[in-house]
Amino acid sequence: QQLSHIRSWAIALVRSREKMPTEKVERYEKTIRNYLASVCNHEEEKEALLNGKDELTKSQLQTACSVSYRVTNPNYVAGADLIVKSLKDTDSIEAF
């Protein structure tokens, strides 16, 4: 799953688990458990997450809520930079 989904689903579970349909809660928890297990370093903890016997703790949900999901675009050029580059000489500036 995308990290943005992990984050938003964890926030949804924290804020309104009791209002959500059971199937949706189970699906969100399963996805979050898989994510937490994938970043976990301890085998016992990883197994416990994947088995899913216990409810996710506040700490685990907080970890999922704080996932950094934004990726910078290495090809991004700010609009102002594009304008400055396009206005190379006096004629182009006057035409602008």
Protein backbone atom coordinates (compact mmCIF):
# COMPACT_ATOMS: atom_id res chain seq x y z
CA GLN A 1 0.00 0.00 0.00
CA GLN A 2 1.02 3.59 -0.42
CA LEU A 3 2.37 5.28 2.67
CA SER A 4 -0.24 8.02 2.40
CA HIS A 5 -2.93 5.34 2.83
CA ILE A 6 -1.16 3.91 5.87
CA ARG A 7 -1.09 7.35 7.47
CA SER A 8 -4.69 8.31 6.67
CA TRP A 9 -6.07 4.92 7.70
CA ALA A 10 -4.21 5.05 11.02
CA ILE A 11 -5.62 8.52 11.64
CA ALA A 12 -9.11 7.24 10.80
CA LEU A 13 -8.72 4.40 13.31
CA VAL A 14 -7.54 6.77 16.02
CA ARG A 15 -10.30 9.30 15.45
CA SER A 16 -13.36 7.24 14.60
CA ARG A 17 -12.84 3.50 14.97
CA GLU A 18 -16.15 3.08 16.80
CA LYS A 19 -18.09 4.74 13.96
CA MET A 20 -16.50 2.66 11.20
CA PRO A 21 -17.87 -0.62 9.82
CA THR A 22 -16.13 -3.69 11.25
CA GLU A 23 -14.94 -4.88 7.84
CA LYS A 24 -13.24 -1.56 7.15
CA VAL A 25 -11.57 -1.51 10.58
CA GLU A 26 -10.25 -5.03 9.99
CA ARG A 27 -8.94 -4.13 6.52
CA TYR A 28 -7.25 -0.97 7.78
CA GLU A 29 -5.71 -2.79 10.75
CA LYS A 30 -4.40 -5.59 8.54
CA THR A 31 -2.74 -3.13 6.19
CA ILE A 32 -1.24 -1.15 9.07
CA ARG A 33 -0.01 -4.36 10.71
CA ASN A 34 1.70 -5.41 7.48
CA TYR A 35 3.38 -2.02 7.21
CA LEU A 36 4.52 -2.03 10.85
CA ALA A 37 5.84 -5.57 10.45
CA SER A 38 7.78 -4.55 7.35
CA VAL A 39 9.64 -1.83 9.26
CA CYS A 40 10.04 -3.86 12.46
CA ASN A 41 13.49 -5.16 13.44
CA HIS A 42 12.45 -7.74 16.06
CA GLU A 43 11.17 -11.09 14.81
CA GLU A 44 8.93 -11.71 17.85
CA GLU A 45 7.27 -8.33 17.49
CA LYS A 46 6.92 -8.85 13.74
CA GLU A 47 5.18 -12.20 14.31
CA ALA A 48 2.85 -10.67 16.89
CA LEU A 49 1.89 -7.92 14.46
CA LEU A 50 1.23 -10.33 11.62
CA ASN A 51 -0.79 -12.72 13.80
CA GLY A 52 -3.03 -9.82 14.78
CA LYS A 53 -4.40 -11.33 17.97
CA ASP A 54 -4.19 -8.13 20.01
CA GLU A 55 -5.63 -4.75 19.08
CA LEU A 56 -3.12 -2.24 17.76
CA THR A 57 -1.73 -0.12 20.57
CA LYS A 58 -1.85 3.67 20.64
CA SER A 59 1.90 3.68 20.17
CA GLN A 60 1.68 1.51 17.06
CA LEU A 61 -1.09 3.66 15.60
CA GLN A 62 0.92 6.78 16.42
CA THR A 63 3.88 5.31 14.54
CA ALA A 64 1.64 4.72 11.53
CA CYS A 65 0.16 8.23 11.84
CA SER A 66 3.60 9.80 11.71
CA VAL A 67 4.70 8.05 8.50
CA SER A 68 6.47 10.43 6.17
CA TYR A 69 4.90 9.73 2.80
CA ARG A 70 5.95 12.70 0.70
CA VAL A 71 8.67 12.20 -1.89
CA THR A 72 10.45 15.14 -3.45
CA ASN A 73 10.49 15.35 -7.22
CA PRO A 74 14.10 15.70 -8.38
CA ASN A 75 12.90 17.25 -11.65
CA TYR A 76 10.76 19.94 -10.01
CA VAL A 77 11.39 23.51 -11.18
CA ALA A 78 9.60 26.36 -9.44
CA GLY A 79 7.31 28.46 -11.61
CA ALA A 80 9.26 31.63 -10.86
CA ASP A 81 12.47 29.97 -12.08
CA LEU A 82 10.78 28.96 -15.34
CA ILE A 83 9.64 32.53 -15.94
CA VAL A 84 13.09 33.97 -15.23
CA LYS A 85 14.69 31.45 -17.62
CA SER A 86 12.18 32.29 -20.35
CA LEU A 87 12.89 36.03 -20.05
CA LYS A 88 16.46 35.97 -21.30
CA ASP A 89 16.63 39.24 -23.19
CA THR A 90 15.03 42.70 -23.25
CA ASP A 91 12.61 41.82 -26.07
CA SER A 92 11.16 38.87 -24.19
CA ILE A 93 10.81 40.98 -21.04
CA GLU A 94 8.97 43.70 -22.95
CA ALA A 95 6.73 41.11 -24.61
CA PHE A 96 5.91 39.67 -21.20
